[in-house]
Amino acid sequence: MRLVTGLHPQFLWLNYICAVISTDIIIIGAGPTGLFAVFEAGLLKMRCHLIDSLAQAGGQLSEIYPKKPIYDIPGFPSILAGELVDNLM
């Protein structure tokens, strides 16, 4: 078991998770950035666990505006927020 040292007291629960789950990376937040981080970790053959407070992945894109068009995603002139989350999954 490897403990994470130098943590702020509110993040000491990470040591409990590391003791229970054997993983290389813990990603907090299942929004687009978290989902992309999982993708990149997979390319590097790293095991990761994703933690989020919402029941479904996608973060604010899924919860607040799944039908809103997004214009600043490379490779897509315009894509709906829900479609982006589906593509990342």
Foldseek 3Di string as FASTA:
>chain_A
DDADPPDDVVPNCVRVVVVVDPFDEEAEAQAPVSLVVVVVCVVVVGGYHYHYPDPDGHPCCVVPFQQDWDCPDPPDNIDGSVVSSVVSD
